[in-house]
Amino acid sequence: AIRQTVQQANGAPLVSFCNTGHWAATNWFVASEVAGIEGVKLFPES
């Protein structure tokens, strides 16, 4: 589902964020390292 969402975004970057940044790191890791999505960004300041 997350891979498909990225494909439908027509080149828009996938940026992971949350309220303060700590949960966003989990989503970044899964999207980038587990799902293999290229160029995933983490917005640590969220």
ModelCIF file with pLDDT and N, C-alpha, C, O atoms, coordinates in Angstrom:
data_MODEL
#
_entry.id   MODEL 
#
_entity.id                         1 
_entity.type                       polymer 
_entity.pdbx_number_of_molecules   1 
#
_entity_poly.entity_id                      1 
_entity_poly.type                           'polypeptide(L)' 
_entity_poly.nstd_linkage                   no 
_entity_poly.nstd_monomer                   no 
_entity_poly.pdbx_seq_one_letter_code       AIRQTVQQANGAPLVSFCNTGHWAATNWFVASEVAGIEGVKLFPES 
_entity_poly.pdbx_seq_one_letter_code_can   AIRQTVQQANGAPLVSFCNTGHWAATNWFVASEVAGIEGVKLFPES 
_entity_poly.pdbx_strand_id                 A 
#
loop_
_entity_poly_seq.entity_id 
_entity_poly_seq.num 
_entity_poly_seq.mon_id 
_entity_poly_seq.hetero 
1 1  ALA n 
1 2  ILE n 
1 3  ARG n 
1 4  GLN n 
1 5  THR n 
1 6  VAL n 
1 7  GLN n 
1 8  GLN n 
1 9  ALA n 
1 10 ASN n 
1 11 GLY n 
1 12 ALA n 
1 13 PRO n 
1 14 LEU n 
1 15 VAL n 
1 16 SER n 
1 17 PHE n 
1 18 CYS n 
1 19 ASN n 
1 20 THR n 
1 21 GLY n 
1 22 HIS n 
1 23 TRP n 
1 24 ALA n 
1 25 ALA n 
1 26 THR n 
1 27 ASN n 
1 28 TRP n 
1 29 PHE n 
1 30 VAL n 
1 31 ALA n 
1 32 SER n 
1 33 GLU n 
1 34 VAL n 
1 35 ALA n 
1 36 GLY n 
1 37 ILE n 
1 38 GLU n 
1 39 GLY n 
1 40 VAL n 
1 41 LYS n 
1 42 LEU n 
1 43 PHE n 
1 44 PRO n 
1 45 GLU n 
1 46 SER n 
#
_struct_asym.id          A 
_struct_asym.entity_id   1 
#
loop_
_ma_qa_metric.id 
_ma_qa_metric.mode 
_ma_qa_metric.name 
_ma_qa_metric.software_group_id 
_ma_qa_metric.type 
1 global pLDDT . pLDDT 
2 local  pLDDT . pLDDT 
#
_ma_qa_metric_global.metric_id      1 
_ma_qa_metric_global.metric_value   88.91 
_ma_qa_metric_global.model_id       1 
_ma_qa_metric_global.ordinal_id     1 
#
loop_
_ma_qa_metric_local.label_asym_id 
_ma_qa_metric_local.label_comp_id 
_ma_qa_metric_local.label_seq_id 
_ma_qa_metric_local.metric_id 
_ma_qa_metric_local.metric_value 
_ma_qa_metric_local.model_id 
_ma_qa_metric_local.ordinal_id 
A ALA 1  2 90.00 1 1  
A ILE 2  2 89.00 1 2  
A ARG 3  2 92.00 1 3  
A GLN 4  2 91.00 1 4  
A THR 5  2 87.00 1 5  
A VAL 6  2 88.00 1 6  
A GLN 7  2 89.00 1 7  
A GLN 8  2 89.00 1 8  
A ALA 9  2 86.00 1 9  
A ASN 10 2 83.00 1 10 
A GLY 11 2 81.00 1 11 
A ALA 12 2 85.00 1 12 
A PRO 13 2 85.00 1 13 
A LEU 14 2 89.00 1 14 
A VAL 15 2 89.00 1 15 
A SER 16 2 91.00 1 16 
A PHE 17 2 88.00 1 17 
A CYS 18 2 86.00 1 18 
A ASN 19 2 83.00 1 19 
A THR 20 2 80.00 1 20 
A GLY 21 2 80.00 1 21 
A HIS 22 2 82.00 1 22 
A TRP 23 2 87.00 1 23 
A ALA 24 2 89.00 1 24 
A ALA 25 2 92.00 1 25 
A THR 26 2 91.00 1 26 
A ASN 27 2 91.00 1 27 
A TRP 28 2 93.00 1 28 
A PHE 29 2 93.00 1 29 
A VAL 30 2 93.00 1 30 
A ALA 31 2 93.00 1 31 
A SER 32 2 94.00 1 32 
A GLU 33 2 95.00 1 33 
A VAL 34 2 94.00 1 34 
A ALA 35 2 93.00 1 35 
A GLY 36 2 94.00 1 36 
A ILE 37 2 93.00 1 37 
A GLU 38 2 92.00 1 38 
A GLY 39 2 92.00 1 39 
A VAL 40 2 93.00 1 40 
A LYS 41 2 93.00 1 41 
A LEU 42 2 90.00 1 42 
A PHE 43 2 87.00 1 43 
A PRO 44 2 86.00 1 44 
A GLU 45 2 85.00 1 45 
A SER 46 2 84.00 1 46 
#
loop_
_atom_site.group_PDB 
_atom_site.id 
_atom_site.type_symbol 
_atom_site.label_atom_id 
_atom_site.label_alt_id 
_atom_site.label_comp_id 
_atom_site.label_asym_id 
_atom_site.label_entity_id 
_atom_site.label_seq_id 
_atom_site.pdbx_PDB_ins_code 
_atom_site.Cartn_x 
_atom_site.Cartn_y 
_atom_site.Cartn_z 
_atom_site.occupancy 
_atom_site.B_iso_or_equiv 
_atom_site.pdbx_formal_charge 
_atom_site.auth_seq_id 
_atom_site.auth_comp_id 
_atom_site.auth_asym_id 
_atom_site.auth_atom_id 
_atom_site.pdbx_PDB_model_num 
ATOM 1   N N  . ALA A 1 1  ? 0.829  -1.206 0.000  1.00 90.00 ? 1  ALA A N  1 
ATOM 2   C CA . ALA A 1 1  ? 0.000  0.000  0.000  1.00 90.00 ? 1  ALA A CA 1 
ATOM 3   C C  . ALA A 1 1  ? 0.863  1.257  0.000  1.00 90.00 ? 1  ALA A C  1 
ATOM 4   O O  . ALA A 1 1  ? 0.565  2.215  -0.712 1.00 90.00 ? 1  ALA A O  1 
ATOM 5   N N  . ILE A 1 2  ? 1.925  1.256  0.790  1.00 89.00 ? 2  ILE A N  1 
ATOM 6   C CA . ILE A 1 2  ? 2.783  2.450  0.825  1.00 89.00 ? 2  ILE A CA 1 
ATOM 7   C C  . ILE A 1 2  ? 3.577  2.581  -0.471 1.00 89.00 ? 2  ILE A C  1 
ATOM 8   O O  . ILE A 1 2  ? 3.802  3.697  -0.939 1.00 89.00 ? 2  ILE A O  1 
ATOM 9   N N  . ARG A 1 3  ? 4.005  1.470  -1.057 1.00 92.00 ? 3  ARG A N  1 
ATOM 10  C CA . ARG A 1 3  ? 4.692  1.530  -2.352 1.00 92.00 ? 3  ARG A CA 1 
ATOM 11  C C  . ARG A 1 3  ? 3.757  2.095  -3.424 1.00 92.00 ? 3  ARG A C  1 
ATOM 12  O O  . ARG A 1 3  ? 4.168  2.928  -4.232 1.00 92.00 ? 3  ARG A O  1 
ATOM 13  N N  . GLN A 1 4  ? 2.512  1.645  -3.430 1.00 91.00 ? 4  GLN A N  1 
ATOM 14  C CA . GLN A 1 4  ? 1.535  2.112  -4.410 1.00 91.00 ? 4  GLN A CA 1 
ATOM 15  C C  . GLN A 1 4  ? 1.248  3.606  -4.238 1.00 91.00 ? 4  GLN A C  1 
ATOM 16  O O  . GLN A 1 4  ? 1.123  4.333  -5.223 1.00 91.00 ? 4  GLN A O  1 
ATOM 17  N N  . THR A 1 5  ? 1.146  4.054  -3.004 1.00 87.00 ? 5  THR A N  1 
ATOM 18  C CA . THR A 1 5  ? 0.911  5.472  -2.734 1.00 87.00 ? 5  THR A CA 1 
ATOM 19  C C  . THR A 1 5  ? 2.052  6.312  -3.295 1.00 87.00 ? 5  THR A C  1 
ATOM 20  O O  . THR A 1 5  ? 1.816  7.366  -3.886 1.00 87.00 ? 5  THR A O  1 
ATOM 21  N N  . VAL A 1 6  ? 3.283  5.851  -3.112 1.00 88.00 ? 6  VAL A N  1 
ATOM 22  C CA . VAL A 1 6  ? 4.445  6.582  -3.635 1.00 88.00 ? 6  VAL A CA 1 
ATOM 23  C C  . VAL A 1 6  ? 4.414  6.605  -5.159 1.00 88.00 ? 6  VAL A C  1 
ATOM 24  O O  . VAL A 1 6  ? 4.712  7.632  -5.768 1.00 88.00 ? 6  VAL A O  1 
ATOM 25  N N  . GLN A 1 7  ? 4.058  5.493  -5.778 1.00 89.00 ? 7  GLN A N  1 
ATOM 26  C CA . GLN A 1 7  ? 3.984  5.446  -7.240 1.00 89.00 ? 7  GLN A CA 1 
ATOM 27  C C  . GLN A 1 7  ? 2.934  6.414  -7.775 1.00 89.00 ? 7  GLN A C  1 
ATOM 28  O O  . GLN A 1 7  ? 3.135  7.028  -8.823 1.00 89.00 ? 7  GLN A O  1 
ATOM 29  N N  . GLN A 1 8  ? 1.827  6.554  -7.072 1.00 89.00 ? 8  GLN A N  1 
ATOM 30  C CA . GLN A 1 8  ? 0.745  7.442  -7.508 1.00 89.00 ? 8  GLN A CA 1 
ATOM 31  C C  . GLN A 1 8  ? 1.061  8.910  -7.256 1.00 89.00 ? 8  GLN A C  1 
ATOM 32  O O  . GLN A 1 8  ? 0.354  9.785  -7.756 1.00 89.00 ? 8  GLN A O  1 
ATOM 33  N N  . ALA A 1 9  ? 2.109  9.195  -6.490 1.00 86.00 ? 9  ALA A N  1 
ATOM 34  C CA . ALA A 1 9  ? 2.461  10.578 -6.147 1.00 86.00 ? 9  ALA A CA 1 
ATOM 35  C C  . ALA A 1 9  ? 3.226  11.290 -7.251 1.00 86.00 ? 9  ALA A C  1 
ATOM 36  O O  . ALA A 1 9  ? 3.597  12.453 -7.095 1.00 86.00 ? 9  ALA A O  1 
ATOM 37  N N  . ASN A 1 10 ? 3.467  10.608 -8.362 1.00 83.00 ? 10 ASN A N  1 
ATOM 38  C CA . ASN A 1 10 ? 4.108  11.227 -9.529 1.00 83.00 ? 10 ASN A CA 1 
ATOM 39  C C  . ASN A 1 10 ? 5.396  11.968 -9.210 1.00 83.00 ? 10 ASN A C  1 
ATOM 40  O O  . ASN A 1 10 ? 5.579  13.111 -9.629 1.00 83.00 ? 10 ASN A O  1 
ATOM 41  N N  . GLY A 1 11 ? 6.275  11.334 -8.481 1.00 81.00 ? 11 GLY A N  1 
ATOM 42  C CA . GLY A 1 11 ? 7.582  11.913 -8.201 1.00 81.00 ? 11 GLY A CA 1 
ATOM 43  C C  . GLY A 1 11 ? 7.671  12.767 -6.958 1.00 81.00 ? 11 GLY A C  1 
ATOM 44  O O  . GLY A 1 11 ? 8.759  13.208 -6.588 1.00 81.00 ? 11 GLY A O  1 
ATOM 45  N N  . ALA A 1 12 ? 6.542  13.008 -6.303 1.00 85.00 ? 12 ALA A N  1 
ATOM 46  C CA . ALA A 1 12 ? 6.589  13.771 -5.052 1.00 85.00 ? 12 ALA A CA 1 
ATOM 47  C C  . ALA A 1 12 ? 7.323  12.938 -4.005 1.00 85.00 ? 12 ALA A C  1 
ATOM 48  O O  . ALA A 1 12 ? 7.125  11.724 -3.938 1.00 85.00 ? 12 ALA A O  1 
ATOM 49  N N  . PRO A 1 13 ? 8.157  13.561 -3.195 1.00 85.00 ? 13 PRO A N  1 
ATOM 50  C CA . PRO A 1 13 ? 8.925  12.792 -2.216 1.00 85.00 ? 13 PRO A CA 1 
ATOM 51  C C  . PRO A 1 13 ? 8.044  12.258 -1.084 1.00 85.00 ? 13 PRO A C  1 
ATOM 52  O O  . PRO A 1 13 ? 7.029  12.859 -0.734 1.00 85.00 ? 13 PRO A O  1 
ATOM 53  N N  . LEU A 1 14 ? 8.441  11.149 -0.536 1.00 89.00 ? 14 LEU A N  1 
ATOM 54  C CA . LEU A 1 14 ? 7.811  10.605 0.665  1.00 89.00 ? 14 LEU A CA 1 
ATOM 55  C C  . LEU A 1 14 ? 8.607  11.137 1.841  1.00 89.00 ? 14 LEU A C  1 
ATOM 56  O O  . LEU A 1 14 ? 9.801  10.865 1.967  1.00 89.00 ? 14 LEU A O  1 
ATOM 57  N N  . VAL A 1 15 ? 7.943  11.897 2.704  1.00 89.00 ? 15 VAL A N  1 
ATOM 58  C CA . VAL A 1 15 ? 8.594  12.505 3.858  1.00 89.00 ? 15 VAL A CA 1 
ATOM 59  C C  . VAL A 1 15 ? 7.878  12.031 5.109  1.00 89.00 ? 15 VAL A C  1 
ATOM 60  O O  . VAL A 1 15 ? 6.671  12.221 5.259  1.00 89.00 ? 15 VAL A O  1 
ATOM 61  N N  . SER A 1 16 ? 8.628  11.416 5.998  1.00 91.00 ? 16 SER A N  1 
ATOM 62  C CA . SER A 1 16 ? 8.056  10.910 7.240  1.00 91.00 ? 16 SER A CA 1 
ATOM 63  C C  . SER A 1 16 ? 8.172  11.964 8.336  1.00 91.00 ? 16 SER A C  1 
ATOM 64  O O  . SER A 1 16 ? 9.246  12.517 8.574  1.00 91.00 ? 16 SER A O  1 
ATOM 65  N N  . PHE A 1 17 ? 7.045  12.231 9.001  1.00 88.00 ? 17 PHE A N  1 
ATOM 66  C CA . PHE A 1 17 ? 7.039  13.174 10.118 1.00 88.00 ? 17 PHE A CA 1 
ATOM 67  C C  . PHE A 1 17 ? 5.985  12.736 11.110 1.00 88.00 ? 17 PHE A C  1 
ATOM 68  O O  . PHE A 1 17 ? 5.109  11.937 10.780 1.00 88.00 ? 17 PHE A O  1 
ATOM 69  N N  . CYS A 1 18 ? 6.063  13.248 12.307 1.00 86.00 ? 18 CYS A N  1 
ATOM 70  C CA . CYS A 1 18 ? 5.032  13.004 13.325 1.00 86.00 ? 18 CYS A CA 1 
ATOM 71  C C  . CYS A 1 18 ? 4.918  14.295 14.138 1.00 86.00 ? 18 CYS A C  1 
ATOM 72  O O  . CYS A 1 18 ? 5.077  15.381 13.581 1.00 86.00 ? 18 CYS A O  1 
ATOM 73  N N  . ASN A 1 19 ? 4.655  14.203 15.401 1.00 83.00 ? 19 ASN A N  1 
ATOM 74  C CA . ASN A 1 19 ? 4.557  15.416 16.215 1.00 83.00 ? 19 ASN A CA 1 
ATOM 75  C C  . ASN A 1 19 ? 5.933  15.960 16.575 1.00 83.00 ? 19 ASN A C  1 
ATOM 76  O O  . ASN A 1 19 ? 6.202  17.146 16.382 1.00 83.00 ? 19 ASN A O  1 
ATOM 77  N N  . THR A 1 20 ? 6.803  15.103 17.094 1.00 80.00 ? 20 THR A N  1 
ATOM 78  C CA . THR A 1 20 ? 8.125  15.552 17.521 1.00 80.00 ? 20 THR A CA 1 
ATOM 79  C C  . THR A 1 20 ? 9.275  14.842 16.813 1.00 80.00 ? 20 THR A C  1 
ATOM 80  O O  . THR A 1 20 ? 10.431 15.188 17.053 1.00 80.00 ? 20 THR A O  1 
ATOM 81  N N  . GLY A 1 21 ? 9.009  13.879 15.967 1.00 80.00 ? 21 GLY A N  1 
ATOM 82  C CA . GLY A 1 21 ? 10.041 13.218 15.181 1.00 80.00 ? 21 GLY A CA 1 
ATOM 83  C C  . GLY A 1 21 ? 10.385 11.806 15.587 1.00 80.00 ? 21 GLY A C  1 
ATOM 84  O O  . GLY A 1 21 ? 10.961 11.073 14.783 1.00 80.00 ? 21 GLY A O  1 
ATOM 85  N N  . HIS A 1 22 ? 10.055 11.385 16.808 1.00 82.00 ? 22 HIS A N  1 
ATOM 86  C CA . HIS A 1 22 ? 10.513 10.063 17.252 1.00 82.00 ? 22 HIS A CA 1 
ATOM 87  C C  . HIS A 1 22 ? 9.758  8.920  16.582 1.00 82.00 ? 22 HIS A C  1 
ATOM 88  O O  . HIS A 1 22 ? 10.379 7.909  16.253 1.00 82.00 ? 22 HIS A O  1 
ATOM 89  N N  . TRP A 1 23 ? 8.450  9.030  16.366 1.00 87.00 ? 23 TRP A N  1 
ATOM 90  C CA . TRP A 1 23 ? 7.713  7.958  15.683 1.00 87.00 ? 23 TRP A CA 1 
ATOM 91  C C  . TRP A 1 23 ? 7.952  7.998  14.180 1.00 87.00 ? 23 TRP A C  1 
ATOM 92  O O  . TRP A 1 23 ? 7.858  6.974  13.503 1.00 87.00 ? 23 TRP A O  1 
ATOM 93  N N  . ALA A 1 24 ? 8.256  9.166  13.667 1.00 89.00 ? 24 ALA A N  1 
ATOM 94  C CA . ALA A 1 24 ? 8.528  9.308  12.240 1.00 89.00 ? 24 ALA A CA 1 
ATOM 95  C C  . ALA A 1 24 ? 9.717  8.454  11.815 1.00 89.00 ? 24 ALA A C  1 
ATOM 96  O O  . ALA A 1 24 ? 9.771  7.980  10.680 1.00 89.00 ? 24 ALA A O  1 
ATOM 97  N N  . ALA A 1 25 ? 10.658 8.260  12.713 1.00 92.00 ? 25 ALA A N  1 
ATOM 98  C CA . ALA A 1 25 ? 11.838 7.456  12.390 1.00 92.00 ? 25 ALA A CA 1 
ATOM 99  C C  . ALA A 1 25 ? 11.459 6.013  12.080 1.00 92.00 ? 25 ALA A C  1 
ATOM 100 O O  . ALA A 1 25 ? 12.074 5.385  11.218 1.00 92.00 ? 25 ALA A O  1 
ATOM 101 N N  . THR A 1 26 ? 10.456 5.482  12.771 1.00 91.00 ? 26 THR A N  1 
ATOM 102 C CA . THR A 1 26 ? 10.010 4.115  12.495 1.00 91.00 ? 26 THR A CA 1 
ATOM 103 C C  . THR A 1 26 ? 9.441  4.030  11.086 1.00 91.00 ? 26 THR A C  1 
ATOM 104 O O  . THR A 1 26 ? 9.784  3.120  10.331 1.00 91.00 ? 26 THR A O  1 
ATOM 105 N N  . ASN A 1 27 ? 8.571  4.976  10.726 1.00 91.00 ? 27 ASN A N  1 
ATOM 106 C CA . ASN A 1 27 ? 8.001  4.966  9.377  1.00 91.00 ? 27 ASN A CA 1 
ATOM 107 C C  . ASN A 1 27 ? 9.074  5.155  8.311  1.00 91.00 ? 27 ASN A C  1 
ATOM 108 O O  . ASN A 1 27 ? 9.023  4.518  7.259  1.00 91.00 ? 27 ASN A O  1 
ATOM 109 N N  . TRP A 1 28 ? 10.053 6.031  8.578  1.00 93.00 ? 28 TRP A N  1 
ATOM 110 C CA . TRP A 1 28 ? 11.151 6.208  7.629  1.00 93.00 ? 28 TRP A CA 1 
ATOM 111 C C  . TRP A 1 28 ? 11.890 4.890  7.421  1.00 93.00 ? 28 TRP A C  1 
ATOM 112 O O  . TRP A 1 28 ? 12.152 4.485  6.289  1.00 93.00 ? 28 TRP A O  1 
ATOM 113 N N  . PHE A 1 29 ? 12.223 4.227  8.523  1.00 93.00 ? 29 PHE A N  1 
ATOM 114 C CA . PHE A 1 29 ? 12.971 2.975  8.439  1.00 93.00 ? 29 PHE A CA 1 
ATOM 115 C C  . PHE A 1 29 ? 12.216 1.925  7.631  1.00 93.00 ? 29 PHE A C  1 
ATOM 116 O O  . PHE A 1 29 ? 12.793 1.275  6.759  1.00 93.00 ? 29 PHE A O  1 
ATOM 117 N N  . VAL A 1 30 ? 10.936 1.761  7.917  1.00 93.00 ? 30 VAL A N  1 
ATOM 118 C CA . VAL A 1 30 ? 10.158 0.743  7.207  1.00 93.00 ? 30 VAL A CA 1 
ATOM 119 C C  . VAL A 1 30 ? 10.039 1.094  5.729  1.00 93.00 ? 30 VAL A C  1 
ATOM 120 O O  . VAL A 1 30 ? 10.248 0.237  4.871  1.00 93.00 ? 30 VAL A O  1 
ATOM 121 N N  . ALA A 1 31 ? 9.705  2.349  5.423  1.00 93.00 ? 31 ALA A N  1 
ATOM 122 C CA . ALA A 1 31 ? 9.537  2.740  4.018  1.00 93.00 ? 31 ALA A CA 1 
ATOM 123 C C  . ALA A 1 31 ? 10.848 2.625  3.246  1.00 93.00 ? 31 ALA A C  1 
ATOM 124 O O  . ALA A 1 31 ? 10.873 2.094  2.136  1.00 93.00 ? 31 ALA A O  1 
ATOM 125 N N  . SER A 1 32 ? 11.926 3.119  3.827  1.00 94.00 ? 32 SER A N  1 
ATOM 126 C CA . SER A 1 32 ? 13.212 3.147  3.144  1.00 94.00 ? 32 SER A CA 1 
ATOM 127 C C  . SER A 1 32 ? 13.913 1.792  3.129  1.00 94.00 ? 32 SER A C  1 
ATOM 128 O O  . SER A 1 32 ? 14.321 1.301  2.077  1.00 94.00 ? 32 SER A O  1 
ATOM 129 N N  . GLU A 1 33 ? 14.043 1.207  4.299  1.00 95.00 ? 33 GLU A N  1 
ATOM 130 C CA . GLU A 1 33 ? 14.894 0.028  4.428  1.00 95.00 ? 33 GLU A CA 1 
ATOM 131 C C  . GLU A 1 33 ? 14.151 -1.300 4.276  1.00 95.00 ? 33 GLU A C  1 
ATOM 132 O O  . GLU A 1 33 ? 14.742 -2.281 3.825  1.00 95.00 ? 33 GLU A O  1 
ATOM 133 N N  . VAL A 1 34 ? 12.886 -1.350 4.637  1.00 94.00 ? 34 VAL A N  1 
ATOM 134 C CA . VAL A 1 34 ? 12.123 -2.606 4.536  1.00 94.00 ? 34 VAL A CA 1 
ATOM 135 C C  . VAL A 1 34 ? 11.342 -2.647 3.223  1.00 94.00 ? 34 VAL A C  1 
ATOM 136 O O  . VAL A 1 34 ? 11.403 -3.638 2.495  1.00 94.00 ? 34 VAL A O  1 
ATOM 137 N N  . ALA A 1 35 ? 10.607 -1.575 2.920  1.00 93.00 ? 35 ALA A N  1 
ATOM 138 C CA . ALA A 1 35 ? 9.818  -1.540 1.687  1.00 93.00 ? 35 ALA A CA 1 
ATOM 139 C C  . ALA A 1 35 ? 10.680 -1.228 0.465  1.00 93.00 ? 35 ALA A C  1 
ATOM 140 O O  . ALA A 1 35 ? 10.265 -1.466 -0.669 1.00 93.00 ? 35 ALA A O  1 
ATOM 141 N N  . GLY A 1 36 ? 11.883 -0.694 0.698  1.00 94.00 ? 36 GLY A N  1 
ATOM 142 C CA . GLY A 1 36 ? 12.810 -0.432 -0.399 1.00 94.00 ? 36 GLY A CA 1 
ATOM 143 C C  . GLY A 1 36 ? 12.455 0.768  -1.260 1.00 94.00 ? 36 GLY A C  1 
ATOM 144 O O  . GLY A 1 36 ? 12.816 0.809  -2.436 1.00 94.00 ? 36 GLY A O  1 
ATOM 145 N N  . ILE A 1 37 ? 11.760 1.738  -0.702 1.00 93.00 ? 37 ILE A N  1 
ATOM 146 C CA . ILE A 1 37 ? 11.388 2.931  -1.451 1.00 93.00 ? 37 ILE A CA 1 
ATOM 147 C C  . ILE A 1 37 ? 12.587 3.878  -1.485 1.00 93.00 ? 37 ILE A C  1 
ATOM 148 O O  . ILE A 1 37 ? 13.155 4.219  -0.447 1.00 93.00 ? 37 ILE A O  1 
ATOM 149 N N  . GLU A 1 38 ? 12.958 4.292  -2.683 1.00 92.00 ? 38 GLU A N  1 
ATOM 150 C CA . GLU A 1 38 ? 14.117 5.171  -2.861 1.00 92.00 ? 38 GLU A CA 1 
ATOM 151 C C  . GLU A 1 38 ? 13.800 6.596  -2.430 1.00 92.00 ? 38 GLU A C  1 
ATOM 152 O O  . GLU A 1 38 ? 12.689 7.079  -2.646 1.00 92.00 ? 38 GLU A O  1 
ATOM 153 N N  . GLY A 1 39 ? 14.765 7.263  -1.827 1.00 92.00 ? 39 GLY A N  1 
ATOM 154 C CA . GLY A 1 39 ? 14.679 8.692  -1.556 1.00 92.00 ? 39 GLY A CA 1 
ATOM 155 C C  . GLY A 1 39 ? 13.726 9.115  -0.455 1.00 92.00 ? 39 GLY A C  1 
ATOM 156 O O  . GLY A 1 39 ? 13.320 10.276 -0.411 1.00 92.00 ? 39 GLY A O  1 
ATOM 157 N N  . VAL A 1 40 ? 13.359 8.205  0.435  1.00 93.00 ? 40 VAL A N  1 
ATOM 158 C CA . VAL A 1 40 ? 12.468 8.582  1.540  1.00 93.00 ? 40 VAL A CA 1 
ATOM 159 C C  . VAL A 1 40 ? 13.196 9.576  2.436  1.00 93.00 ? 40 VAL A C  1 
ATOM 160 O O  . VAL A 1 40 ? 14.371 9.392  2.754  1.00 93.00 ? 40 VAL A O  1 
ATOM 161 N N  . LYS A 1 41 ? 12.497 10.619 2.837  1.00 93.00 ? 41 LYS A N  1 
ATOM 162 C CA . LYS A 1 41 ? 13.075 11.654 3.691  1.00 93.00 ? 41 LYS A CA 1 
ATOM 163 C C  . LYS A 1 41 ? 12.493 11.559 5.093  1.00 93.00 ? 41 LYS A C  1 
ATOM 164 O O  . LYS A 1 41 ? 11.368 11.097 5.280  1.00 93.00 ? 41 LYS A O  1 
ATOM 165 N N  . LEU A 1 42 ? 13.261 11.996 6.063  1.00 90.00 ? 42 LEU A N  1 
ATOM 166 C CA . LEU A 1 42 ? 12.808 12.098 7.451  1.00 90.00 ? 42 LEU A CA 1 
ATOM 167 C C  . LEU A 1 42 ? 12.858 13.567 7.835  1.00 90.00 ? 42 LEU A C  1 
ATOM 168 O O  . LEU A 1 42 ? 13.895 14.216 7.697  1.00 90.00 ? 42 LEU A O  1 
ATOM 169 N N  . PHE A 1 43 ? 11.734 14.092 8.317  1.00 87.00 ? 43 PHE A N  1 
ATOM 170 C CA . PHE A 1 43 ? 11.671 15.470 8.807  1.00 87.00 ? 43 PHE A CA 1 
ATOM 171 C C  . PHE A 1 43 ? 11.735 15.383 10.328 1.00 87.00 ? 43 PHE A C  1 
ATOM 172 O O  . PHE A 1 43 ? 10.696 15.330 10.986 1.00 87.00 ? 43 PHE A O  1 
ATOM 173 N N  . PRO A 1 44 ? 12.957 15.368 10.903 1.00 86.00 ? 44 PRO A N  1 
ATOM 174 C CA . PRO A 1 44 ? 13.096 15.099 12.333 1.00 86.00 ? 44 PRO A CA 1 
ATOM 175 C C  . PRO A 1 44 ? 12.448 16.141 13.236 1.00 86.00 ? 44 PRO A C  1 
ATOM 176 O O  . PRO A 1 44 ? 12.053 15.821 14.357 1.00 86.00 ? 44 PRO A O  1 
ATOM 177 N N  . GLU A 1 45 ? 12.333 17.385 12.765 1.00 85.00 ? 45 GLU A N  1 
ATOM 178 C CA . GLU A 1 45 ? 11.694 18.403 13.591 1.00 85.00 ? 45 GLU A CA 1 
ATOM 179 C C  . GLU A 1 45 ? 10.189 18.216 13.642 1.00 85.00 ? 45 GLU A C  1 
ATOM 180 O O  . GLU A 1 45 ? 9.534  18.658 14.586 1.00 85.00 ? 45 GLU A O  1 
ATOM 181 N N  . SER A 1 46 ? 9.644  17.566 12.633 1.00 84.00 ? 46 SER A N  1 
ATOM 182 C CA . SER A 1 46 ? 8.233  17.222 12.515 1.00 84.00 ? 46 SER A CA 1 
ATOM 183 C C  . SER A 1 46 ? 7.318  18.405 12.786 1.00 84.00 ? 46 SER A C  1 
ATOM 184 O O  . SER A 1 46 ? 6.097  18.268 12.723 1.00 84.00 ? 46 SER A O  1 
#
